[in-house]
Amino acid sequence: MGENLQRMDIVVAEDDDDDFQLISEAFQKSGVVHDIHRARDGEELLHLLEKDKRANGSILKPGLILLDLNMPKKDGIEALRELKADPLLRSIPVVVLTTSKSDEDVYRTYDLGVNSFIQKPISYRKFLELFEVLKEYWFETVRLPPKTI
């Protein structure tokens, strides 16, 4: 299946440097080599997605957003609400990757249109296993919306 890997931009909205490093390493070790863009909070995430739209009429349309919920300035739920309300951005698949165990967070994020809710693994080995599953599903199995129509 590896030869069917889709090439795409990935945005990781994560304020914790160690978690971002783990995510980057897990992508590399799983064989997923893509352009990874980082946002450290919800405001930065929305700015990153919007900056090209302001500059030249286009937007960064990543194939996937990994979204932490507990971030400064604008948290993940606020950012998700704005992202899914924007007709140009709402088709971007969003996977919540968070430490939250709250049933309310699970319900609210799915209600806002998140595609998956995953609790961050606590061990490095489990993190790598998770990214093997993510790779197989998001990069080898599903067909994602095109960047432009």
N, C-alpha and C. Protein backbone atom coordinates (compact mmCIF):
# COMPACT_ATOMS: atom_id res chain seq x y z
N MET A 1 0.80 -1.21 0.00
CA MET A 1 0.00 0.00 0.00
C MET A 1 0.84 1.27 0.00
N GLY A 2 2.10 1.21 0.46
CA GLY A 2 2.94 2.38 0.61
C GLY A 2 3.10 3.21 -0.65
N GLU A 3 3.05 2.58 -1.83
CA GLU A 3 3.23 3.33 -3.06
C GLU A 3 2.04 4.25 -3.36
N ASN A 4 0.93 4.09 -2.65
CA ASN A 4 -0.25 4.92 -2.86
C ASN A 4 -0.28 6.14 -1.94
N LEU A 5 0.80 6.38 -1.19
CA LEU A 5 0.84 7.48 -0.25
C LEU A 5 0.55 8.79 -0.96
N GLN A 6 -0.39 9.55 -0.38
CA GLN A 6 -0.75 10.84 -0.93
C GLN A 6 0.19 11.91 -0.36
N ARG A 7 0.67 12.80 -1.22
CA ARG A 7 1.53 13.91 -0.80
C ARG A 7 0.62 15.08 -0.43
N MET A 8 0.86 15.68 0.73
CA MET A 8 0.00 16.78 1.15
C MET A 8 0.69 17.65 2.19
N ASP A 9 0.13 18.84 2.36
CA ASP A 9 0.51 19.70 3.47
C ASP A 9 -0.26 19.23 4.70
N ILE A 10 0.40 19.28 5.85
CA ILE A 10 -0.22 18.95 7.12
C ILE A 10 0.00 20.13 8.04
N VAL A 11 -1.04 20.53 8.75
CA VAL A 11 -0.89 21.58 9.75
C VAL A 11 -1.07 20.94 11.12
N VAL A 12 -0.11 21.21 12.00
CA VAL A 12 -0.17 20.72 13.37
C VAL A 12 -0.34 21.93 14.28
N ALA A 13 -1.50 22.02 14.91
CA ALA A 13 -1.76 23.10 15.86
C ALA A 13 -1.45 22.55 17.25
N GLU A 14 -0.27 22.90 17.75
CA GLU A 14 0.24 22.33 18.99
C GLU A 14 1.16 23.35 19.66
N ASP A 15 0.85 23.72 20.89
CA ASP A 15 1.66 24.71 21.59
C ASP A 15 2.84 24.10 22.33
N ASP A 16 2.80 22.83 22.63
CA ASP A 16 3.87 22.18 23.39
C ASP A 16 5.00 21.73 22.46
N ASP A 17 6.20 22.25 22.69
CA ASP A 17 7.34 21.93 21.82
C ASP A 17 7.66 20.45 21.82
N ASP A 18 7.62 19.81 22.99
CA ASP A 18 7.93 18.38 23.07
C ASP A 18 6.91 17.55 22.29
N ASP A 19 5.63 17.88 22.43
CA ASP A 19 4.60 17.15 21.68
C ASP A 19 4.75 17.36 20.18
N PHE A 20 5.07 18.59 19.78
CA PHE A 20 5.26 18.84 18.36
C PHE A 20 6.45 18.03 17.83
N GLN A 21 7.52 17.96 18.61
CA GLN A 21 8.69 17.18 18.21
C GLN A 21 8.32 15.70 18.08
N LEU A 22 7.54 15.18 19.03
CA LEU A 22 7.08 13.79 18.96
C LEU A 22 6.25 13.54 17.70
N ILE A 23 5.36 14.45 17.41
CA ILE A 23 4.50 14.32 16.21
C ILE A 23 5.36 14.32 14.95
N SER A 24 6.31 15.25 14.87
CA SER A 24 7.19 15.31 13.70
C SER A 24 7.99 14.03 13.54
N GLU A 25 8.57 13.55 14.65
CA GLU A 25 9.34 12.30 14.61
C GLU A 25 8.46 11.12 14.21
N ALA A 26 7.25 11.08 14.75
CA ALA A 26 6.35 9.97 14.44
C ALA A 26 5.98 9.97 12.96
N PHE A 27 5.76 11.14 12.38
CA PHE A 27 5.50 11.22 10.95
C PHE A 27 6.70 10.70 10.17
N GLN A 28 7.89 11.13 10.55
CA GLN A 28 9.10 10.69 9.84
C GLN A 28 9.30 9.18 9.96
N LYS A 29 9.17 8.64 11.17
CA LYS A 29 9.39 7.20 11.38
C LYS A 29 8.33 6.35 10.70
N SER A 30 7.14 6.90 10.49
CA SER A 30 6.09 6.14 9.82
C SER A 30 6.23 6.21 8.30
N GLY A 31 7.21 6.98 7.83
CA GLY A 31 7.43 7.08 6.40
C GLY A 31 6.62 8.18 5.74
N VAL A 32 5.93 8.97 6.53
CA VAL A 32 5.13 10.07 5.99
C VAL A 32 6.04 11.28 5.90
N VAL A 33 6.41 11.65 4.70
CA VAL A 33 7.26 12.81 4.49
C VAL A 33 6.43 13.84 3.74
N HIS A 34 5.94 14.81 4.47
CA HIS A 34 5.08 15.84 3.91
C HIS A 34 5.55 17.19 4.42
N ASP A 35 4.96 18.23 3.90
CA ASP A 35 5.24 19.57 4.41
C ASP A 35 4.40 19.77 5.66
N ILE A 36 5.09 19.89 6.79
CA ILE A 36 4.39 20.07 8.06
C ILE A 36 4.52 21.53 8.47
N HIS A 37 3.37 22.16 8.67
CA HIS A 37 3.31 23.55 9.12
C HIS A 37 2.84 23.54 10.57
N ARG A 38 3.42 24.39 11.39
CA ARG A 38 3.05 24.42 12.80
C ARG A 38 2.37 25.73 13.15
N ALA A 39 1.32 25.59 13.96
CA ALA A 39 0.68 26.73 14.60
C ALA A 39 0.73 26.49 16.10
N ARG A 40 1.10 27.48 16.86
CA ARG A 40 1.25 27.31 18.31
C ARG A 40 -0.02 27.62 19.09
N ASP A 41 -1.03 28.14 18.44
CA ASP A 41 -2.31 28.41 19.08
C ASP A 41 -3.37 28.56 18.00
N GLY A 42 -4.63 28.69 18.42
CA GLY A 42 -5.72 28.77 17.47
C GLY A 42 -5.67 30.00 16.58
N GLU A 43 -5.22 31.12 17.12
CA GLU A 43 -5.10 32.33 16.31
C GLU A 43 -4.08 32.12 15.20
N GLU A 44 -2.94 31.53 15.56
CA GLU A 44 -1.89 31.28 14.57
C GLU A 44 -2.37 30.29 13.51
N LEU A 45 -3.15 29.30 13.92
CA LEU A 45 -3.71 28.34 12.97
C LEU A 45 -4.57 29.04 11.93
N LEU A 46 -5.51 29.85 12.39
CA LEU A 46 -6.40 30.54 11.45
C LEU A 46 -5.63 31.54 10.59
N HIS A 47 -4.65 32.20 11.18
CA HIS A 47 -3.83 33.14 10.41
C HIS A 47 -3.06 32.39 9.32
N LEU A 48 -2.49 31.25 9.66
CA LEU A 48 -1.73 30.44 8.70
C LEU A 48 -2.62 30.03 7.52
N LEU A 49 -3.84 29.63 7.81
CA LEU A 49 -4.75 29.20 6.75
C LEU A 49 -5.25 30.38 5.92
N GLU A 50 -5.31 31.55 6.51
CA GLU A 50 -5.86 32.73 5.83
C GLU A 50 -4.81 33.59 5.14
N LYS A 51 -3.53 33.50 5.52
CA LYS A 51 -2.57 34.50 5.05
C LYS A 51 -2.42 34.52 3.54
N ASP A 52 -2.44 33.35 2.90
CA ASP A 52 -2.32 33.34 1.44
C ASP A 52 -3.57 33.91 0.79
N LYS A 53 -4.72 33.72 1.42
CA LYS A 53 -5.97 34.24 0.86
C LYS A 53 -5.89 35.76 0.76
N ARG A 54 -5.33 36.38 1.79
CA ARG A 54 -5.19 37.83 1.77
C ARG A 54 -4.13 38.27 0.77
N ALA A 55 -3.07 37.50 0.64
CA ALA A 55 -1.95 37.91 -0.21
C ALA A 55 -2.23 37.74 -1.70
N ASN A 56 -2.80 36.61 -2.09
CA ASN A 56 -2.97 36.37 -3.52
C ASN A 56 -4.27 35.68 -3.90
N GLY A 57 -5.23 35.70 -3.02
CA GLY A 57 -6.53 35.13 -3.35
C GLY A 57 -6.63 33.63 -3.17
N SER A 58 -5.53 32.97 -2.77
CA SER A 58 -5.60 31.53 -2.51
C SER A 58 -5.37 31.28 -1.02
N ILE A 59 -5.61 30.06 -0.59
CA ILE A 59 -5.41 29.72 0.81
C ILE A 59 -4.53 28.48 0.89
N LEU A 60 -3.87 28.31 2.04
CA LEU A 60 -3.19 27.06 2.32
C LEU A 60 -4.30 26.06 2.62
N LYS A 61 -4.41 25.05 1.80
CA LYS A 61 -5.46 24.05 2.00
C LYS A 61 -4.78 22.72 2.30
N PRO A 62 -4.44 22.52 3.59
CA PRO A 62 -3.75 21.28 3.94
C PRO A 62 -4.68 20.08 3.76
N GLY A 63 -4.07 18.93 3.60
CA GLY A 63 -4.84 17.70 3.51
C GLY A 63 -5.35 17.24 4.86
N LEU A 64 -4.71 17.73 5.93
CA LEU A 64 -5.07 17.31 7.27
C LEU A 64 -4.59 18.34 8.28
N ILE A 65 -5.42 18.56 9.30
CA ILE A 65 -5.03 19.39 10.44
C ILE A 65 -5.08 18.51 11.68
N LEU A 66 -3.98 18.49 12.43
CA LEU A 66 -3.96 17.87 13.76
C LEU A 66 -4.11 19.00 14.76
N LEU A 67 -5.13 18.92 15.58
CA LEU A 67 -5.53 20.05 16.43
C LEU A 67 -5.51 19.68 17.90
N ASP A 68 -4.67 20.37 18.67
CA ASP A 68 -4.70 20.26 20.12
C ASP A 68 -5.83 21.15 20.62
N LEU A 69 -6.46 20.77 21.71
CA LEU A 69 -7.54 21.61 22.25
C LEU A 69 -7.03 22.64 23.24
N ASN A 70 -6.06 22.28 24.04
CA ASN A 70 -5.59 23.13 25.13
C ASN A 70 -4.42 23.98 24.66
N MET A 71 -4.75 25.13 24.07
CA MET A 71 -3.73 26.05 23.57
C MET A 71 -4.03 27.45 24.08
N PRO A 72 -2.99 28.31 24.14
CA PRO A 72 -3.21 29.69 24.58
C PRO A 72 -3.91 30.52 23.50
N LYS A 73 -4.26 31.73 23.88
CA LYS A 73 -4.90 32.73 23.02
C LYS A 73 -6.28 32.26 22.56
N LYS A 74 -6.32 31.39 21.58
CA LYS A 74 -7.59 30.84 21.09
C LYS A 74 -7.44 29.33 21.16
N ASP A 75 -8.29 28.68 21.97
CA ASP A 75 -8.13 27.23 22.13
C ASP A 75 -8.63 26.48 20.90
N GLY A 76 -8.43 25.18 20.90
CA GLY A 76 -8.77 24.36 19.76
C GLY A 76 -10.24 24.37 19.40
N ILE A 77 -11.10 24.41 20.41
CA ILE A 77 -12.55 24.41 20.13
C ILE A 77 -12.96 25.71 19.45
N GLU A 78 -12.44 26.84 19.92
CA GLU A 78 -12.75 28.11 19.27
C GLU A 78 -12.23 28.12 17.83
N ALA A 79 -11.02 27.64 17.63
CA ALA A 79 -10.44 27.61 16.29
C ALA A 79 -11.24 26.67 15.38
N LEU A 80 -11.65 25.52 15.91
CA LEU A 80 -12.45 24.57 15.13
C LEU A 80 -13.78 25.19 14.72
N ARG A 81 -14.41 25.90 15.64
CA ARG A 81 -15.69 26.57 15.35
C ARG A 81 -15.53 27.54 14.18
N GLU A 82 -14.48 28.35 14.19
CA GLU A 82 -14.26 29.31 13.12
C GLU A 82 -13.88 28.63 11.81
N LEU A 83 -13.05 27.62 11.90
CA LEU A 83 -12.60 26.90 10.71
C LEU A 83 -13.79 26.25 10.00
N LYS A 84 -14.65 25.59 10.76
CA LYS A 84 -15.79 24.88 10.15
C LYS A 84 -16.90 25.83 9.71
N ALA A 85 -16.84 27.09 10.17
CA ALA A 85 -17.83 28.08 9.72
C ALA A 85 -17.41 28.75 8.42
N ASP A 86 -16.15 28.60 8.03
CA ASP A 86 -15.63 29.23 6.82
C ASP A 86 -15.83 28.30 5.63
N PRO A 87 -16.60 28.71 4.62
CA PRO A 87 -16.87 27.85 3.47
C PRO A 87 -15.60 27.40 2.73
N LEU A 88 -14.53 28.20 2.77
CA LEU A 88 -13.30 27.82 2.08
C LEU A 88 -12.45 26.84 2.88
N LEU A 89 -12.70 26.73 4.18
CA LEU A 89 -11.85 25.91 5.04
C LEU A 89 -12.56 24.68 5.61
N ARG A 90 -13.87 24.68 5.64
CA ARG A 90 -14.59 23.63 6.37
C ARG A 90 -14.41 22.22 5.83
N SER A 91 -13.99 22.07 4.59
CA SER A 91 -13.81 20.71 4.05
C SER A 91 -12.47 20.09 4.44
N ILE A 92 -11.59 20.86 5.09
CA ILE A 92 -10.30 20.32 5.51
C ILE A 92 -10.54 19.34 6.66
N PRO A 93 -10.07 18.10 6.53
CA PRO A 93 -10.22 17.15 7.63
C PRO A 93 -9.43 17.59 8.86
N VAL A 94 -10.07 17.48 10.02
CA VAL A 94 -9.45 17.86 11.27
C VAL A 94 -9.49 16.67 12.23
N VAL A 95 -8.32 16.34 12.77
CA VAL A 95 -8.21 15.31 13.79
C VAL A 95 -7.77 15.99 15.08
N VAL A 96 -8.61 15.89 16.11
CA VAL A 96 -8.22 16.42 17.41
C VAL A 96 -7.26 15.42 18.03
N LEU A 97 -6.11 15.93 18.46
CA LEU A 97 -5.08 15.13 19.13
C LEU A 97 -4.76 15.87 20.43
N THR A 98 -5.30 15.37 21.53
CA THR A 98 -5.28 16.13 22.77
C THR A 98 -5.09 15.23 23.99
N THR A 99 -4.75 15.84 25.11
CA THR A 99 -4.67 15.11 26.37
C THR A 99 -6.03 15.04 27.06
N SER A 100 -6.99 15.79 26.57
CA SER A 100 -8.30 15.86 27.22
C SER A 100 -8.99 14.49 27.25
N LYS A 101 -9.59 14.20 28.40
CA LYS A 101 -10.39 12.99 28.56
C LYS A 101 -11.87 13.34 28.70
N SER A 102 -12.19 14.60 28.52
CA SER A 102 -13.52 15.11 28.78
C SER A 102 -14.53 14.65 27.73
N ASP A 103 -15.62 14.02 28.19
CA ASP A 103 -16.70 13.64 27.29
C ASP A 103 -17.30 14.87 26.62
N GLU A 104 -17.34 15.97 27.36
CA GLU A 104 -17.88 17.22 26.80
C GLU A 104 -17.03 17.69 25.62
N ASP A 105 -15.70 17.59 25.72
CA ASP A 105 -14.83 17.97 24.61
C ASP A 105 -15.08 17.07 23.40
N VAL A 106 -15.24 15.78 23.65
CA VAL A 106 -15.52 14.84 22.55
C VAL A 106 -16.82 15.25 21.86
N TYR A 107 -17.87 15.45 22.62
CA TYR A 107 -19.17 15.81 22.05
C TYR A 107 -19.08 17.14 21.30
N ARG A 108 -18.49 18.16 21.94
CA ARG A 108 -18.45 19.49 21.31
C ARG A 108 -17.67 19.48 20.01
N THR A 109 -16.55 18.77 19.98
CA THR A 109 -15.74 18.78 18.76
C THR A 109 -16.45 18.04 17.62
N TYR A 110 -17.09 16.90 17.92
CA TYR A 110 -17.84 16.22 16.86
C TYR A 110 -19.03 17.06 16.41
N ASP A 111 -19.66 17.74 17.35
CA ASP A 111 -20.79 18.61 17.01
C ASP A 111 -20.35 19.74 16.08
N LEU A 112 -19.10 20.17 16.22
CA LEU A 112 -18.57 21.24 15.37
C LEU A 112 -18.01 20.73 14.04
N GLY A 113 -17.94 19.40 13.88
CA GLY A 113 -17.53 18.86 12.59
C GLY A 113 -16.15 18.22 12.54
N VAL A 114 -15.55 17.92 13.69
CA VAL A 114 -14.24 17.27 13.67
C VAL A 114 -14.39 15.88 13.06
N ASN A 115 -13.33 15.41 12.41
CA ASN A 115 -13.38 14.10 11.76
C ASN A 115 -13.00 12.95 12.69
N SER A 116 -12.12 13.22 13.64
CA SER A 116 -11.72 12.20 14.62
C SER A 116 -11.25 12.90 15.88
N PHE A 117 -11.42 12.19 17.00
CA PHE A 117 -10.97 12.68 18.30
C PHE A 117 -10.06 11.60 18.87
N ILE A 118 -8.79 11.95 19.10
CA ILE A 118 -7.81 10.98 19.61
C ILE A 118 -7.14 11.56 20.84
N GLN A 119 -7.11 10.75 21.89
CA GLN A 119 -6.38 11.15 23.08
C GLN A 119 -4.90 10.82 22.87
N LYS A 120 -4.03 11.77 23.19
CA LYS A 120 -2.60 11.58 22.99
C LYS A 120 -2.11 10.40 23.82
N PRO A 121 -1.37 9.51 23.18
CA PRO A 121 -0.76 8.40 23.93
C PRO A 121 0.30 8.94 24.89
N ILE A 122 0.51 8.21 25.98
CA ILE A 122 1.49 8.69 26.96
C ILE A 122 2.88 8.11 26.75
N SER A 123 2.99 7.02 26.01
CA SER A 123 4.31 6.44 25.78
C SER A 123 4.76 6.72 24.34
N TYR A 124 6.07 6.78 24.16
CA TYR A 124 6.64 7.01 22.84
C TYR A 124 6.25 5.89 21.87
N ARG A 125 6.30 4.65 22.34
CA ARG A 125 5.95 3.50 21.50
C ARG A 125 4.50 3.59 21.03
N LYS A 126 3.59 3.95 21.93
CA LYS A 126 2.17 4.08 21.57
C LYS A 126 1.97 5.24 20.58
N PHE A 127 2.75 6.30 20.75
CA PHE A 127 2.68 7.43 19.83
C PHE A 127 3.05 6.98 18.42
N LEU A 128 4.14 6.21 18.32
CA LEU A 128 4.56 5.71 17.00
C LEU A 128 3.52 4.76 16.41
N GLU A 129 2.93 3.92 17.24
CA GLU A 129 1.87 3.01 16.76
C GLU A 129 0.67 3.80 16.25
N LEU A 130 0.30 4.86 16.96
CA LEU A 130 -0.81 5.71 16.53
C LEU A 130 -0.54 6.30 15.16
N PHE A 131 0.67 6.76 14.93
CA PHE A 131 0.98 7.39 13.65
C PHE A 131 1.05 6.39 12.50
N GLU A 132 1.33 5.14 12.79
CA GLU A 132 1.22 4.11 11.76
C GLU A 132 -0.24 3.96 11.33
N VAL A 133 -1.14 3.98 12.29
CA VAL A 133 -2.58 3.89 12.00
C VAL A 133 -3.03 5.13 11.23
N LEU A 134 -2.61 6.31 11.69
CA LEU A 134 -2.98 7.55 10.99
C LEU A 134 -2.47 7.53 9.56
N LYS A 135 -1.22 7.09 9.38
CA LYS A 135 -0.65 7.02 8.03
C LYS A 135 -1.49 6.11 7.13
N GLU A 136 -1.78 4.94 7.64
CA GLU A 136 -2.54 4.00 6.81
C GLU A 136 -3.91 4.56 6.46
N TYR A 137 -4.59 5.16 7.42
CA TYR A 137 -5.94 5.66 7.15
C TYR A 137 -5.93 6.94 6.31
N TRP A 138 -5.25 7.99 6.80
CA TRP A 138 -5.35 9.30 6.16
C TRP A 138 -4.53 9.44 4.90
N PHE A 139 -3.44 8.67 4.76
CA PHE A 139 -2.56 8.86 3.62
C PHE A 139 -2.60 7.74 2.60
N GLU A 140 -3.17 6.59 2.98
CA GLU A 140 -3.21 5.46 2.06
C GLU A 140 -4.61 5.01 1.71
N THR A 141 -5.56 5.22 2.61
CA THR A 141 -6.90 4.64 2.43
C THR A 141 -7.92 5.64 1.91
N VAL A 142 -8.11 6.74 2.62
CA VAL A 142 -9.19 7.66 2.27
C VAL A 142 -8.81 8.53 1.08
N ARG A 143 -9.81 9.01 0.42
CA ARG A 143 -9.62 10.01 -0.64
C ARG A 143 -10.04 11.34 -0.05
N LEU A 144 -9.12 12.28 -0.05
CA LEU A 144 -9.36 13.59 0.55
C LEU A 144 -9.85 14.56 -0.51
N PRO A 145 -10.53 15.64 -0.07
CA PRO A 145 -10.98 16.64 -1.03
C PRO A 145 -9.77 17.27 -1.74
N PRO A 146 -9.91 17.60 -3.02
CA PRO A 146 -8.82 18.25 -3.73
C PRO A 146 -8.57 19.65 -3.14
N LYS A 147 -7.35 20.13 -3.36
CA LYS A 147 -7.00 21.46 -2.86
C LYS A 147 -7.87 22.54 -3.49
N THR A 148 -8.16 22.38 -4.75
CA THR A 148 -9.01 23.35 -5.46
C THR A 148 -10.01 22.58 -6.29
N ILE A 149 -11.11 23.24 -6.54
CA ILE A 149 -12.15 22.61 -7.38
C ILE A 149 -12.26 23.35 -8.68
